[in-house]
Amino acid sequence: MKFARMISLGLLLALALGSSFAQELRLGFVSTDRVLKEAGVAKVAQAKLEQEFSKREKEINDFGARLKSESEAFERDATTLPESQRLAKQRQLLDQDRDFQRKRREFQEDLNARKNEELQQVLLRANKAIKDLAVAEKYDFIFQEAVYVNPRNDITDKVIKALSAPGVK
């Protein structure tokens, strides 16, 4: 009799545990690259950067074009210039080229730093939207990197739409 009760209790326990394991595991995937390319907040950040750096970029490009034309003119006229003028002009062009390279490098460093700042803000907002979506739709796991993803698990469009919703900060 005790043996029958133990078996019955074991079967009931196994059924209870089996039903909890049988719950469907909800998985999702978000393509971070797509979010950074397609989300409205990412496009706004990109436009902000372009506006912020376009004037400086144009100045550097104009300076580079002037330097190139001066170098070409120097190469054409170098043989007709007296030695002292040729050396002075050569030094001047080398100094200008060094200045141009420094300005271009500083511009690139500043641009990269600002891009990283804006990217970080977009990623923070995207992660919040992902977490909110996971809670609202009862996801167990959401991945951002994967070797293979079944398209039915891709929730990138939902995240992009959530980022575009007014009031998402």
Protein backbone atom coordinates (compact mmCIF):
# COMPACT_ATOMS: atom_id res chain seq x y z
CA MET A 1 0.00 0.00 0.00
CA LYS A 2 2.77 2.43 0.92
CA PHE A 3 4.55 1.51 -2.26
CA ALA A 4 1.47 2.35 -4.34
CA ARG A 5 1.16 5.73 -2.62
CA MET A 6 4.81 6.52 -3.28
CA ILE A 7 4.42 5.67 -6.96
CA SER A 8 1.21 7.75 -7.19
CA LEU A 9 2.89 10.69 -5.47
CA GLY A 10 5.93 10.35 -7.77
CA LEU A 11 3.71 10.31 -10.86
CA LEU A 12 1.80 13.39 -9.68
CA LEU A 13 5.07 15.19 -8.97
CA ALA A 14 6.43 14.21 -12.39
CA LEU A 15 3.26 15.48 -14.08
CA ALA A 16 3.46 18.79 -12.22
CA LEU A 17 7.12 19.30 -13.09
CA GLY A 18 6.56 18.20 -16.68
CA SER A 19 3.81 20.75 -17.17
CA SER A 20 6.04 23.58 -15.88
CA PHE A 21 8.80 22.54 -18.30
CA ALA A 22 6.27 22.31 -21.08
CA GLN A 23 5.63 26.06 -20.96
CA GLU A 24 6.75 27.67 -24.19
CA LEU A 25 10.04 29.48 -24.00
CA ARG A 26 9.73 32.87 -25.75
CA LEU A 27 12.84 33.93 -27.62
CA GLY A 28 13.45 37.11 -29.59
CA PHE A 29 16.22 38.59 -31.68
CA VAL A 30 17.05 42.23 -32.41
CA SER A 31 19.43 43.31 -35.16
CA THR A 32 21.38 46.19 -33.63
CA ASP A 33 22.73 47.17 -37.05
CA ARG A 34 19.22 47.57 -38.45
CA VAL A 35 18.12 49.56 -35.42
CA LEU A 36 21.09 51.92 -35.85
CA LYS A 37 20.34 52.37 -39.56
CA GLU A 38 16.55 52.48 -39.63
CA ALA A 39 15.32 53.87 -36.32
CA GLY A 40 14.17 57.47 -36.36
CA VAL A 41 16.32 58.38 -33.34
CA ALA A 42 19.41 57.06 -35.13
CA LYS A 43 18.59 59.08 -38.25
CA VAL A 44 18.06 62.20 -36.13
CA ALA A 45 21.43 61.63 -34.43
CA GLN A 46 23.13 61.23 -37.81
CA ALA A 47 21.55 64.44 -39.13
CA LYS A 48 22.61 66.26 -35.97
CA LEU A 49 26.21 65.13 -36.47
CA GLU A 50 26.21 66.13 -40.13
CA GLN A 51 24.90 69.58 -39.25
CA GLU A 52 27.39 69.98 -36.41
CA PHE A 53 30.45 68.97 -38.45
CA SER A 54 29.61 69.97 -42.04
CA LYS A 55 31.06 73.51 -41.82
CA ARG A 56 34.32 72.28 -40.33
CA GLU A 57 34.57 69.47 -42.89
CA LYS A 58 34.06 71.95 -45.74
CA GLU A 59 36.79 74.22 -44.36
CA ILE A 60 39.23 71.31 -44.15
CA ASN A 61 38.35 70.13 -47.67
CA ASP A 62 38.79 73.68 -49.03
CA PHE A 63 42.14 73.99 -47.27
CA GLY A 64 43.22 70.66 -48.79
CA ALA A 65 42.16 71.75 -52.26
CA ARG A 66 44.08 75.05 -51.93
CA LEU A 67 47.15 73.18 -50.71
CA LYS A 68 46.95 70.78 -53.64
CA SER A 69 46.66 73.57 -56.20
CA GLU A 70 49.56 75.47 -54.57
CA SER A 71 51.68 72.29 -54.65
CA GLU A 72 50.88 71.72 -58.31
CA ALA A 73 51.75 75.34 -59.14
CA PHE A 74 55.00 75.00 -57.20
CA GLU A 75 55.96 71.86 -59.11
CA ARG A 76 55.30 73.65 -62.41
CA ASP A 77 57.26 76.75 -61.44
CA ALA A 78 60.00 75.19 -59.28
CA THR A 79 62.58 75.07 -62.05
CA THR A 80 62.22 78.79 -62.80
CA LEU A 81 62.42 80.01 -59.19
CA PRO A 82 65.69 81.08 -57.60
CA GLU A 83 67.09 78.57 -55.08
CA SER A 84 66.19 80.64 -51.97
CA GLN A 85 62.59 81.21 -53.12
CA ARG A 86 62.20 77.57 -54.08
CA LEU A 87 63.42 76.38 -50.65
CA ALA A 88 61.23 78.91 -48.81
CA LYS A 89 58.15 77.90 -50.81
CA GLN A 90 58.94 74.21 -50.26
CA ARG A 91 59.20 74.78 -46.48
CA GLN A 92 55.96 76.77 -46.53
CA LEU A 93 54.14 73.95 -48.38
CA LEU A 94 55.51 71.35 -45.97
CA ASP A 95 54.30 73.40 -42.99
CA GLN A 96 50.89 73.84 -44.59
CA ASP A 97 50.68 70.11 -45.32
CA ARG A 98 51.59 69.29 -41.71
CA ASP A 99 48.93 71.75 -40.52
CA PHE A 100 46.38 70.21 -42.91
CA GLN A 101 47.14 66.68 -41.70
CA ARG A 102 46.83 67.80 -38.06
CA LYS A 103 43.50 69.55 -38.68
CA ARG A 104 42.15 66.54 -40.56
CA ARG A 105 43.23 64.17 -37.77
CA GLU A 106 41.71 66.40 -35.07
CA PHE A 107 38.49 66.65 -37.07
CA GLN A 108 38.30 62.87 -37.41
CA GLU A 109 38.96 62.37 -33.69
CA ASP A 110 36.30 64.91 -32.73
CA LEU A 111 33.81 63.40 -35.17
CA ASN A 112 34.46 59.88 -33.88
CA ALA A 113 34.06 61.00 -30.27
CA ARG A 114 30.73 62.70 -31.03
CA LYS A 115 29.54 59.69 -33.06
CA ASN A 116 30.29 57.45 -30.11
CA GLU A 117 28.36 59.77 -27.77
CA GLU A 118 25.33 59.83 -30.05
CA LEU A 119 25.56 56.08 -30.68
CA GLN A 120 25.63 55.44 -26.95
CA GLN A 121 22.45 57.50 -26.49
CA VAL A 122 20.68 55.61 -29.28
CA LEU A 123 21.79 52.26 -27.83
CA LEU A 124 20.56 53.21 -24.35
CA ARG A 125 17.15 54.12 -25.77
CA ALA A 126 17.08 50.96 -27.89
CA ASN A 127 17.94 48.76 -24.90
CA LYS A 128 15.19 50.39 -22.85
CA ALA A 129 12.71 49.80 -25.69
CA ILE A 130 13.86 46.16 -25.91
CA LYS A 131 13.44 45.64 -22.16
CA ASP A 132 10.00 47.27 -22.19
CA LEU A 133 8.96 45.08 -25.13
CA ALA A 134 10.32 41.95 -23.41
CA VAL A 135 8.31 42.66 -20.28
CA ALA A 136 5.14 43.63 -22.14
CA GLU A 137 5.18 40.59 -24.42
CA LYS A 138 6.62 38.18 -21.83
CA TYR A 139 9.83 37.21 -23.59
CA ASP A 140 12.24 34.96 -21.71
CA PHE A 141 15.33 35.90 -23.73
CA ILE A 142 16.14 38.52 -26.36
CA PHE A 143 19.42 38.19 -28.22
CA GLN A 144 21.30 40.86 -30.14
CA GLU A 145 23.99 38.61 -31.63
CA ALA A 146 23.32 35.25 -33.23
CA VAL A 147 24.72 32.99 -35.92
CA TYR A 148 21.26 32.05 -37.17
CA VAL A 149 17.83 33.48 -36.44
CA ASN A 150 14.49 32.15 -37.55
CA PRO A 151 12.64 35.17 -38.99
CA ARG A 152 9.63 34.50 -36.73
CA ASN A 153 11.86 35.33 -33.73
CA ASP A 154 13.13 38.61 -35.20
CA ILE A 155 11.52 41.50 -33.31
CA THR A 156 13.70 44.24 -34.80
CA ASP A 157 10.73 45.90 -36.52
CA LYS A 158 8.87 46.09 -33.21
CA VAL A 159 11.87 47.74 -31.54
CA ILE A 160 12.25 50.27 -34.38
CA LYS A 161 8.54 51.05 -34.14
CA ALA A 162 8.79 51.40 -30.34
CA LEU A 163 11.70 53.82 -30.72
CA SER A 164 9.65 55.91 -33.10
CA ALA A 165 6.75 56.15 -30.65
CA PRO A 166 6.37 59.58 -29.05
CA GLY A 167 7.50 59.78 -25.45
CA VAL A 168 10.17 57.06 -25.66
CA LYS A 169 13.25 58.35 -23.82
